[in-house]
PDB file of N, CA and C in Angstrom:
ATOM      1  N   MET A   1      77.359 -92.739  -1.244  1.00  0.00           N
ATOM      2  CA  MET A   1      75.933 -92.465  -1.297  1.00  0.00           C
ATOM      3  C   MET A   1      75.595 -91.864  -2.665  1.00  0.00           C
ATOM      4  N   PRO A   2      74.709 -92.512  -3.422  1.00  0.00           N
ATOM      5  CA  PRO A   2      74.394 -91.998  -4.757  1.00  0.00           C
ATOM      6  C   PRO A   2      73.663 -90.662  -4.692  1.00  0.00           C
ATOM      7  N   GLN A   3      73.957 -89.841  -5.699  1.00  0.00           N
ATOM      8  CA  GLN A   3      73.320 -88.534  -5.769  1.00  0.00           C
ATOM      9  C   GLN A   3      71.898 -88.694  -6.306  1.00  0.00           C
ATOM     10  N   GLU A   4      70.970 -87.975  -5.683  1.00  0.00           N
ATOM     11  CA  GLU A   4      69.578 -88.035  -6.100  1.00  0.00           C
ATOM     12  C   GLU A   4      69.416 -87.354  -7.457  1.00  0.00           C
ATOM     13  N   LYS A   5      68.719 -88.025  -8.373  1.00  0.00           N
ATOM     14  CA  LYS A   5      68.488 -87.437  -9.691  1.00  0.00           C
ATOM     15  C   LYS A   5      67.418 -86.352  -9.563  1.00  0.00           C
ATOM     16  N   LYS A   6      67.742 -85.192 -10.103  1.00  0.00           N
ATOM     17  CA  LYS A   6      66.831 -84.055 -10.022  1.00  0.00           C
ATOM     18  C   LYS A   6      65.755 -84.172 -11.099  1.00  0.00           C
ATOM     19  N   ILE A   7      64.510 -84.011 -10.690  1.00  0.00           N
ATOM     20  CA  ILE A   7      63.397 -84.059 -11.631  1.00  0.00           C
ATOM     21  C   ILE A   7      63.261 -82.694 -12.300  1.00  0.00           C
ATOM     22  N   LYS A   8      63.215 -82.700 -13.622  1.00  0.00           N
ATOM     23  CA  LYS A   8      63.080 -81.451 -14.375  1.00  0.00           C
ATOM     24  C   LYS A   8      61.670 -80.898 -14.188  1.00  0.00           C
ATOM     25  N   LYS A   9      61.586 -79.577 -14.013  1.00  0.00           N
ATOM     26  CA  LYS A   9      60.306 -78.887 -13.878  1.00  0.00           C
ATOM     27  C   LYS A   9      60.270 -77.745 -14.880  1.00  0.00           C
ATOM     28  N   ALA A  10      59.068 -77.410 -15.349  1.00  0.00           N
ATOM     29  CA  ALA A  10      58.923 -76.291 -16.281  1.00  0.00           C
ATOM     30  C   ALA A  10      57.561 -75.634 -16.094  1.00  0.00           C
ATOM     31  N   ALA A  11      57.548 -74.342 -16.333  1.00  0.00           N
ATOM     32  CA  ALA A  11      56.305 -73.570 -16.306  1.00  0.00           C
ATOM     33  C   ALA A  11      56.357 -72.563 -17.441  1.00  0.00           C
ATOM     34  N   ALA A  12      55.210 -72.300 -18.018  1.00  0.00           N
ATOM     35  CA  ALA A  12      55.095 -71.270 -19.051  1.00  0.00           C
ATOM     36  C   ALA A  12      54.147 -70.201 -18.532  1.00  0.00           C
ATOM     37  N   LEU A  13      54.580 -68.949 -18.671  1.00  0.00           N
ATOM     38  CA  LEU A  13      53.789 -67.815 -18.190  1.00  0.00           C
ATOM     39  C   LEU A  13      53.394 -66.926 -19.355  1.00  0.00           C
ATOM     40  N   ARG A  14      52.243 -66.291 -19.205  1.00  0.00           N
ATOM     41  CA  ARG A  14      51.762 -65.324 -20.193  1.00  0.00           C
ATOM     42  C   ARG A  14      51.237 -64.124 -19.412  1.00  0.00           C
ATOM     43  N   TYR A  15      51.498 -62.942 -19.948  1.00  0.00           N
ATOM     44  CA  TYR A  15      50.964 -61.738 -19.305  1.00  0.00           C
ATOM     45  C   TYR A  15      50.189 -60.922 -20.324  1.00  0.00           C
ATOM     46  N   LEU A  16      48.906 -60.801 -20.095  1.00  0.00           N
ATOM     47  CA  LEU A  16      48.019 -59.988 -20.922  1.00  0.00           C
ATOM     48  C   LEU A  16      47.426 -58.916 -20.015  1.00  0.00           C
ATOM     49  N   PRO A  17      48.064 -57.743 -19.944  1.00  0.00           N
ATOM     50  CA  PRO A  17      47.626 -56.716 -18.996  1.00  0.00           C
ATOM     51  C   PRO A  17      46.176 -56.280 -19.181  1.00  0.00           C
ATOM     52  N   GLU A  18      45.652 -56.408 -20.402  1.00  0.00           N
ATOM     53  CA  GLU A  18      44.261 -56.015 -20.622  1.00  0.00           C
ATOM     54  C   GLU A  18      43.272 -57.034 -20.043  1.00  0.00           C
ATOM     55  N   LYS A  19      43.751 -58.252 -19.739  1.00  0.00           N
ATOM     56  CA  LYS A  19      42.883 -59.305 -19.204  1.00  0.00           C
ATOM     57  C   LYS A  19      43.194 -59.674 -17.757  1.00  0.00           C
ATOM     58  N   ASN A  20      44.463 -59.602 -17.382  1.00  0.00           N
ATOM     59  CA  ASN A  20      44.894 -60.083 -16.071  1.00  0.00           C
ATOM     60  C   ASN A  20      45.665 -59.018 -15.315  1.00  0.00           C
ATOM     61  N   ASN A  21      45.600 -59.114 -13.993  1.00  0.00           N
ATOM     62  CA  ASN A  21      46.371 -58.209 -13.140  1.00  0.00           C
ATOM     63  C   ASN A  21      47.822 -58.658 -12.995  1.00  0.00           C
ATOM     64  N   ALA A  22      48.085 -59.919 -13.301  1.00  0.00           N
ATOM     65  CA  ALA A  22      49.427 -60.482 -13.126  1.00  0.00           C
ATOM     66  C   ALA A  22      49.642 -61.571 -14.173  1.00  0.00           C
ATOM     67  N   PRO A  23      50.903 -61.954 -14.397  1.00  0.00           N
ATOM     68  CA  PRO A  23      51.166 -63.066 -15.309  1.00  0.00           C
ATOM     69  C   PRO A  23      50.416 -64.328 -14.866  1.00  0.00           C
ATOM     70  N   GLN A  24      50.043 -65.118 -15.849  1.00  0.00           N
ATOM     71  CA  GLN A  24      49.228 -66.305 -15.631  1.00  0.00           C
ATOM     72  C   GLN A  24      50.003 -67.545 -16.075  1.00  0.00           C
ATOM     73  N   ILE A  25      49.818 -68.637 -15.353  1.00  0.00           N
ATOM     74  CA  ILE A  25      50.444 -69.903 -15.724  1.00  0.00           C
ATOM     75  C   ILE A  25      49.624 -70.540 -16.840  1.00  0.00           C
ATOM     76  N   VAL A  26      50.285 -70.827 -17.968  1.00  0.00           N
ATOM     77  CA  VAL A  26      49.591 -71.450 -19.097  1.00  0.00           C
ATOM     78  C   VAL A  26      50.043 -72.890 -19.329  1.00  0.00           C
ATOM     79  N   ALA A  27      51.144 -73.288 -18.706  1.00  0.00           N
ATOM     80  CA  ALA A  27      51.607 -74.676 -18.759  1.00  0.00           C
ATOM     81  C   ALA A  27      52.474 -74.920 -17.532  1.00  0.00           C
ATOM     82  N   LEU A  28      52.397 -76.143 -17.015  1.00  0.00           N
ATOM     83  CA  LEU A  28      53.129 -76.478 -15.794  1.00  0.00           C
ATOM     84  C   LEU A  28      53.315 -77.985 -15.753  1.00  0.00           C
ATOM     85  N   GLY A  29      54.528 -78.434 -15.471  1.00  0.00           N
ATOM     86  CA  GLY A  29      54.720 -79.871 -15.390  1.00  0.00           C
ATOM     87  C   GLY A  29      56.089 -80.279 -14.883  1.00  0.00           C
ATOM     88  N   LYS A  30      56.201 -81.582 -14.597  1.00  0.00           N
ATOM     89  CA  LYS A  30      57.453 -82.186 -14.147  1.00  0.00           C
ATOM     90  C   LYS A  30      57.789 -83.364 -15.051  1.00  0.00           C
ATOM     91  N   GLY A  31      59.065 -83.713 -15.064  1.00  0.00           N
ATOM     92  CA  GLY A  31      59.502 -84.886 -15.808  1.00  0.00           C
ATOM     93  C   GLY A  31      59.224 -84.787 -17.297  1.00  0.00           C
ATOM     94  N   GLU A  32      58.503 -85.780 -17.829  1.00  0.00           N
ATOM     95  CA  GLU A  32      58.219 -85.838 -19.263  1.00  0.00           C
ATOM     96  C   GLU A  32      57.382 -84.643 -19.728  1.00  0.00           C
ATOM     97  N   ILE A  33      56.451 -84.201 -18.902  1.00  0.00           N
ATOM     98  CA  ILE A  33      55.632 -83.037 -19.264  1.00  0.00           C
ATOM     99  C   ILE A  33      56.508 -81.792 -19.347  1.00  0.00           C
ATOM    100  N   ALA A  34      57.437 -81.644 -18.405  1.00  0.00           N
ATOM    101  CA  ALA A  34      58.365 -80.509 -18.444  1.00  0.00           C
ATOM    102  C   ALA A  34      59.186 -80.539 -19.732  1.00  0.00           C
ATOM    103  N   GLU A  35      59.637 -81.714 -20.119  1.00  0.00           N
ATOM    104  CA  GLU A  35      60.404 -81.849 -21.367  1.00  0.00           C
ATOM    105  C   GLU A  35      59.576 -81.388 -22.567  1.00  0.00           C
ATOM    106  N   LYS A  36      58.292 -81.738 -22.589  1.00  0.00           N
ATOM    107  CA  LYS A  36      57.416 -81.329 -23.696  1.00  0.00           C
ATOM    108  C   LYS A  36      57.203 -79.819 -23.703  1.00  0.00           C
ATOM    109  N   ILE A  37      57.048 -79.227 -22.520  1.00  0.00           N
ATOM    110  CA  ILE A  37      56.889 -77.770 -22.427  1.00  0.00           C
ATOM    111  C   ILE A  37      58.128 -77.083 -22.982  1.00  0.00           C
ATOM    112  N   LEU A  38      59.308 -77.552 -22.571  1.00  0.00           N
ATOM    113  CA  LEU A  38      60.560 -76.955 -23.032  1.00  0.00           C
ATOM    114  C   LEU A  38      60.755 -77.141 -24.537  1.00  0.00           C
ATOM    115  N   LYS A  39      60.411 -78.322 -25.038  1.00  0.00           N
ATOM    116  CA  LYS A  39      60.538 -78.585 -26.477  1.00  0.00           C
ATOM    117  C   LYS A  39      59.630 -77.648 -27.272  1.00  0.00           C
ATOM    118  N   LYS A  40      58.393 -77.484 -26.822  1.00  0.00           N
ATOM    119  CA  LYS A  40      57.444 -76.596 -27.511  1.00  0.00           C
ATOM    120  C   LYS A  40      57.947 -75.155 -27.490  1.00  0.00           C
ATOM    121  N   ALA A  41      58.507 -74.730 -26.364  1.00  0.00           N
ATOM    122  CA  ALA A  41      59.055 -73.375 -26.262  1.00  0.00           C
ATOM    123  C   ALA A  41      60.193 -73.186 -27.264  1.00  0.00           C
ATOM    124  N   GLN A  42      61.092 -74.165 -27.338  1.00  0.00           N
ATOM    125  CA  GLN A  42      62.209 -74.074 -28.276  1.00  0.00           C
ATOM    126  C   GLN A  42      61.710 -74.023 -29.719  1.00  0.00           C
ATOM    127  N   GLU A  43      60.747 -74.882 -30.053  1.00  0.00           N
ATOM    128  CA  GLU A  43      60.195 -74.910 -31.413  1.00  0.00           C
ATOM    129  C   GLU A  43      59.517 -73.590 -31.779  1.00  0.00           C
ATOM    130  N   SER A  44      58.976 -72.910 -30.776  1.00  0.00           N
ATOM    131  CA  SER A  44      58.244 -71.657 -30.999  1.00  0.00           C
ATOM    132  C   SER A  44      59.103 -70.421 -30.779  1.00  0.00           C
ATOM    133  N   ASN A  45      60.411 -70.623 -30.594  1.00  0.00           N
ATOM    134  CA  ASN A  45      61.349 -69.521 -30.336  1.00  0.00           C
ATOM    135  C   ASN A  45      60.954 -68.687 -29.120  1.00  0.00           C
ATOM    136  N   ILE A  46      60.422 -69.361 -28.106  1.00  0.00           N
ATOM    137  CA  ILE A  46      60.068 -68.693 -26.855  1.00  0.00           C
ATOM    138  C   ILE A  46      61.278 -68.798 -25.931  1.00  0.00           C
ATOM    139  N   PRO A  47      61.738 -67.676 -25.395  1.00  0.00           N
ATOM    140  CA  PRO A  47      62.907 -67.714 -24.506  1.00  0.00           C
ATOM    141  C   PRO A  47      62.652 -68.590 -23.277  1.00  0.00           C
ATOM    142  N   ILE A  48      63.700 -69.288 -22.864  1.00  0.00           N
ATOM    143  CA  ILE A  48      63.635 -70.151 -21.684  1.00  0.00           C
ATOM    144  C   ILE A  48      64.576 -69.579 -20.638  1.00  0.00           C
ATOM    145  N   GLN A  49      64.081 -69.419 -19.440  1.00  0.00           N
ATOM    146  CA  GLN A  49      64.878 -68.896 -18.323  1.00  0.00           C
ATOM    147  C   GLN A  49      64.913 -69.954 -17.228  1.00  0.00           C
ATOM    148  N   LYS A  50      66.108 -70.375 -16.834  1.00  0.00           N
ATOM    149  CA  LYS A  50      66.243 -71.369 -15.764  1.00  0.00           C
ATOM    150  C   LYS A  50      66.298 -70.648 -14.419  1.00  0.00           C
ATOM    151  N   ASP A  51      65.394 -71.036 -13.524  1.00  0.00           N
ATOM    152  CA  ASP A  51      65.351 -70.456 -12.182  1.00  0.00           C
ATOM    153  C   ASP A  51      64.702 -71.479 -11.257  1.00  0.00           C
ATOM    154  N   ASP A  52      65.537 -72.245 -10.553  1.00  0.00           N
ATOM    155  CA  ASP A  52      65.038 -73.328  -9.709  1.00  0.00           C
ATOM    156  C   ASP A  52      64.113 -72.838  -8.604  1.00  0.00           C
ATOM    157  N   LYS A  53      64.457 -71.723  -7.979  1.00  0.00           N
ATOM    158  CA  LYS A  53      63.611 -71.205  -6.893  1.00  0.00           C
ATOM    159  C   LYS A  53      62.241 -70.797  -7.422  1.00  0.00           C
ATOM    160  N   LEU A  54      62.216 -70.138  -8.572  1.00  0.00           N
ATOM    161  CA  LEU A  54      60.942 -69.719  -9.153  1.00  0.00           C
ATOM    162  C   LEU A  54      60.116 -70.938  -9.556  1.00  0.00           C
ATOM    163  N   SER A  55      60.750 -71.931 -10.170  1.00  0.00           N
ATOM    164  CA  SER A  55      59.981 -73.114 -10.576  1.00  0.00           C
ATOM    165  C   SER A  55      59.432 -73.850  -9.362  1.00  0.00           C
ATOM    166  N   ASP A  56      60.174 -73.853  -8.257  1.00  0.00           N
ATOM    167  CA  ASP A  56      59.655 -74.452  -7.020  1.00  0.00           C
ATOM    168  C   ASP A  56      58.420 -73.705  -6.530  1.00  0.00           C
ATOM    169  N   ALA A  57      58.451 -72.381  -6.591  1.00  0.00           N
ATOM    170  CA  ALA A  57      57.310 -71.569  -6.142  1.00  0.00           C
ATOM    171  C   ALA A  57      56.111 -71.755  -7.072  1.00  0.00           C
ATOM    172  N   LEU A  58      56.357 -71.817  -8.375  1.00  0.00           N
ATOM    173  CA  LEU A  58      55.265 -71.964  -9.336  1.00  0.00           C
ATOM    174  C   LEU A  58      54.625 -73.345  -9.262  1.00  0.00           C
ATOM    175  N   GLU A  59      55.394 -74.330  -8.808  1.00  0.00           N
ATOM    176  CA  GLU A  59      54.902 -75.700  -8.710  1.00  0.00           C
ATOM    177  C   GLU A  59      53.681 -75.805  -7.783  1.00  0.00           C
ATOM    178  N   ALA A  60      53.563 -74.896  -6.830  1.00  0.00           N
ATOM    179  CA  ALA A  60      52.444 -74.918  -5.881  1.00  0.00           C
ATOM    180  C   ALA A  60      51.156 -74.367  -6.496  1.00  0.00           C
ATOM    181  N   LEU A  61      51.253 -73.796  -7.702  1.00  0.00           N
ATOM    182  CA  LEU A  61      50.097 -73.185  -8.356  1.00  0.00           C
ATOM    183  C   LEU A  61      49.504 -74.140  -9.391  1.00  0.00           C
ATOM    184  N   ASN A  62      48.429 -73.711 -10.016  1.00  0.00           N
ATOM    185  CA  ASN A  62      47.753 -74.510 -11.035  1.00  0.00           C
ATOM    186  C   ASN A  62      47.715 -73.750 -12.355  1.00  0.00           C
ATOM    187  N   ILE A  63      47.527 -74.489 -13.441  1.00  0.00           N
ATOM    188  CA  ILE A  63      47.363 -73.859 -14.750  1.00  0.00           C
ATOM    189  C   ILE A  63      46.148 -72.942 -14.682  1.00  0.00           C
ATOM    190  N   GLY A  64      46.318 -71.732 -15.184  1.00  0.00           N
ATOM    191  CA  GLY A  64      45.251 -70.737 -15.152  1.00  0.00           C
ATOM    192  C   GLY A  64      45.383 -69.751 -14.006  1.00  0.00           C
ATOM    193  N   ASP A  65      46.165 -70.121 -12.976  1.00  0.00           N
ATOM    194  CA  ASP A  65      46.375 -69.214 -11.838  1.00  0.00           C
ATOM    195  C   ASP A  65      47.245 -68.040 -12.249  1.00  0.00           C
ATOM    196  N   GLN A  66      46.992 -66.890 -11.640  1.00  0.00           N
ATOM    197  CA  GLN A  66      47.894 -65.756 -11.766  1.00  0.00           C
ATOM    198  C   GLN A  66      48.952 -65.901 -10.678  1.00  0.00           C
ATOM    199  N   ILE A  67      50.160 -65.422 -10.973  1.00  0.00           N
ATOM    200  CA  ILE A  67      51.220 -65.542  -9.972  1.00  0.00           C
ATOM    201  C   ILE A  67      50.880 -64.656  -8.769  1.00  0.00           C
ATOM    202  N   PRO A  68      51.317 -65.060  -7.573  1.00  0.00           N
ATOM    203  CA  PRO A  68      51.055 -64.256  -6.377  1.00  0.00           C
ATOM    204  C   PRO A  68      51.989 -63.046  -6.311  1.00  0.00           C
ATOM    205  N   PRO A  69      51.589 -62.024  -5.547  1.00  0.00           N
ATOM    206  CA  PRO A  69      52.382 -60.787  -5.455  1.00  0.00           C
ATOM    207  C   PRO A  69      53.848 -60.999  -5.072  1.00  0.00           C
ATOM    208  N   GLU A  70      54.146 -62.006  -4.272  1.00  0.00           N
ATOM    209  CA  GLU A  70      55.540 -62.208  -3.859  1.00  0.00           C
ATOM    210  C   GLU A  70      56.441 -62.636  -5.018  1.00  0.00           C
ATOM    211  N   LEU A  71      55.868 -63.017  -6.150  1.00  0.00           N
ATOM    212  CA  LEU A  71      56.670 -63.395  -7.320  1.00  0.00           C
ATOM    213  C   LEU A  71      56.718 -62.306  -8.387  1.00  0.00           C
ATOM    214  N   TYR A  72      55.998 -61.206  -8.178  1.00  0.00           N
ATOM    215  CA  TYR A  72      55.945 -60.142  -9.185  1.00  0.00           C
ATOM    216  C   TYR A  72      57.332 -59.649  -9.579  1.00  0.00           C
ATOM    217  N   GLU A  73      58.177 -59.370  -8.592  1.00  0.00           N
ATOM    218  CA  GLU A  73      59.479 -58.760  -8.892  1.00  0.00           C
ATOM    219  C   GLU A  73      60.360 -59.676  -9.733  1.00  0.00           C
ATOM    220  N   VAL A  74      60.485 -60.928  -9.327  1.00  0.00           N
ATOM    221  CA  VAL A  74      61.368 -61.838 -10.065  1.00  0.00           C
ATOM    222  C   VAL A  74      60.824 -62.106 -11.467  1.00  0.00           C
ATOM    223  N   VAL A  75      59.514 -62.247 -11.607  1.00  0.00           N
ATOM    224  CA  VAL A  75      58.928 -62.481 -12.927  1.00  0.00           C
ATOM    225  C   VAL A  75      59.057 -61.227 -13.798  1.00  0.00           C
ATOM    226  N   ALA A  76      58.886 -60.060 -13.210  1.00  0.00           N
ATOM    227  CA  ALA A  76      59.061 -58.806 -13.962  1.00  0.00           C
ATOM    228  C   ALA A  76      60.490 -58.691 -14.488  1.00  0.00           C
ATOM    229  N   GLN A  77      61.466 -59.100 -13.681  1.00  0.00           N
ATOM    230  CA  GLN A  77      62.864 -59.058 -14.123  1.00  0.00           C
ATOM    231  C   GLN A  77      63.086 -59.993 -15.309  1.00  0.00           C
ATOM    232  N   ILE A  78      62.480 -61.162 -15.261  1.00  0.00           N
ATOM    233  CA  ILE A  78      62.615 -62.122 -16.363  1.00  0.00           C
ATOM    234  C   ILE A  78      61.952 -61.574 -17.623  1.00  0.00           C
ATOM    235  N   PHE A  79      60.735 -61.030 -17.490  1.00  0.00           N
ATOM    236  CA  PHE A  79      60.052 -60.465 -18.653  1.00  0.00           C
ATOM    237  C   PHE A  79      60.837 -59.285 -19.232  1.00  0.00           C
ATOM    238  N   ALA A  80      61.431 -58.465 -18.378  1.00  0.00           N
ATOM    239  CA  ALA A  80      62.237 -57.329 -18.848  1.00  0.00           C
ATOM    240  C   ALA A  80      63.465 -57.836 -19.610  1.00  0.00           C
ATOM    241  N   TYR A  81      64.116 -58.864 -19.091  1.00  0.00           N
ATOM    242  CA  TYR A  81      65.280 -59.461 -19.745  1.00  0.00           C
ATOM    243  C   TYR A  81      64.891 -59.992 -21.130  1.00  0.00           C
ATOM    244  N   ILE A  82      63.770 -60.684 -21.197  1.00  0.00           N
ATOM    245  CA  ILE A  82      63.299 -61.218 -22.475  1.00  0.00           C
ATOM    246  C   ILE A  82      62.976 -60.077 -23.442  1.00  0.00           C
ATOM    247  N   GLY A  83      62.360 -59.019 -22.929  1.00  0.00           N
ATOM    248  CA  GLY A  83      62.063 -57.850 -23.760  1.00  0.00           C
ATOM    249  C   GLY A  83      63.325 -57.225 -24.325  1.00  0.00           C
ATOM    250  N   ASP A  84      64.377 -57.151 -23.500  1.00  0.00           N
ATOM    251  CA  ASP A  84      65.654 -56.609 -23.963  1.00  0.00           C
ATOM    252  C   ASP A  84      66.253 -57.473 -25.067  1.00  0.00           C
ATOM    253  N   ILE A  85      66.169 -58.782 -24.906  1.00  0.00           N
ATOM    254  CA  ILE A  85      66.691 -59.696 -25.926  1.00  0.00           C
ATOM    255  C   ILE A  85      65.907 -59.531 -27.225  1.00  0.00           C
ATOM    256  N   ASP A  86      64.584 -59.435 -27.108  1.00  0.00           N
ATOM    257  CA  ASP A  86      63.755 -59.247 -28.308  1.00  0.00           C
ATOM    258  C   ASP A  86      64.132 -57.972 -29.049  1.00  0.00           C
ATOM    259  N   LYS A  87      64.373 -56.899 -28.301  1.00  0.00           N
ATOM    260  CA  LYS A  87      64.750 -55.625 -28.934  1.00  0.00           C
ATOM    261  C   LYS A  87      66.109 -55.733 -29.616  1.00  0.00           C
ATOM    262  N   LYS A  88      67.031 -56.434 -28.962  1.00  0.00           N
ATOM    263  CA  LYS A  88      68.390 -56.525 -29.485  1.00  0.00           C
ATOM    264  C   LYS A  88      68.488 -57.474 -30.682  1.00  0.00           C
ATOM    265  N   TYR A  89      67.804 -58.617 -30.597  1.00  0.00           N
ATOM    266  CA  TYR A  89      67.968 -59.650 -31.619  1.00  0.00           C
ATOM    267  C   TYR A  89      66.708 -59.921 -32.441  1.00  0.00           C
ATOM    268  N   GLY A  90      65.625 -59.238 -32.147  1.00  0.00           N
ATOM    269  CA  GLY A  90      64.355 -59.523 -32.814  1.00  0.00           C
ATOM    270  C   GLY A  90      63.642 -60.618 -32.058  1.00  0.00           C
ATOM    271  N   ASP A  91      62.341 -60.698 -32.236  1.00  0.00           N
ATOM    272  CA  ASP A  91      61.574 -61.670 -31.460  1.00  0.00           C
ATOM    273  C   ASP A  91      61.554 -63.059 -32.082  1.00  0.00           C
ATOM    274  N   GLY A  92      62.166 -63.216 -33.245  1.00  0.00           N
ATOM    275  CA  GLY A  92      62.233 -64.535 -33.867  1.00  0.00           C
ATOM    276  C   GLY A  92      60.926 -64.972 -34.509  1.00  0.00           C
ATOM    277  N   ASN A  93      59.930 -64.109 -34.494  1.00  0.00           N
ATOM    278  CA  ASN A  93      58.633 -64.478 -35.053  1.00  0.00           C
ATOM    279  C   ASN A  93      58.297 -63.685 -36.310  1.00  0.00           C
ATOM    280  N   GLY A  94      59.292 -63.204 -36.980  1.00  0.00           N
ATOM    281  CA  GLY A  94      58.942 -62.512 -38.202  1.00  0.00           C
ATOM    282  C   GLY A  94      59.994 -61.579 -38.600  1.00  0.00           C
TER     283      GLY A  94
END
């Protein structure tokens, strides 16, 4: 029985505490669109975090939506990890 090919998914989040109560989805896609999101992130030195469960949950949302409370903890952990990397290695933007 052939193995089902997994479709790549990607989401980009932004958190502006002065504007939003929670991180907001700024890009979301599957397949070719996901590839473009990932390519743009790499070109812009934006950290990429692989998390299949989170991408499945984000897939139910729309661009512009804020993440729901049940995702706050996992997204906060990812943002904290990225913040630690930025402190250790610089943010790559200057």
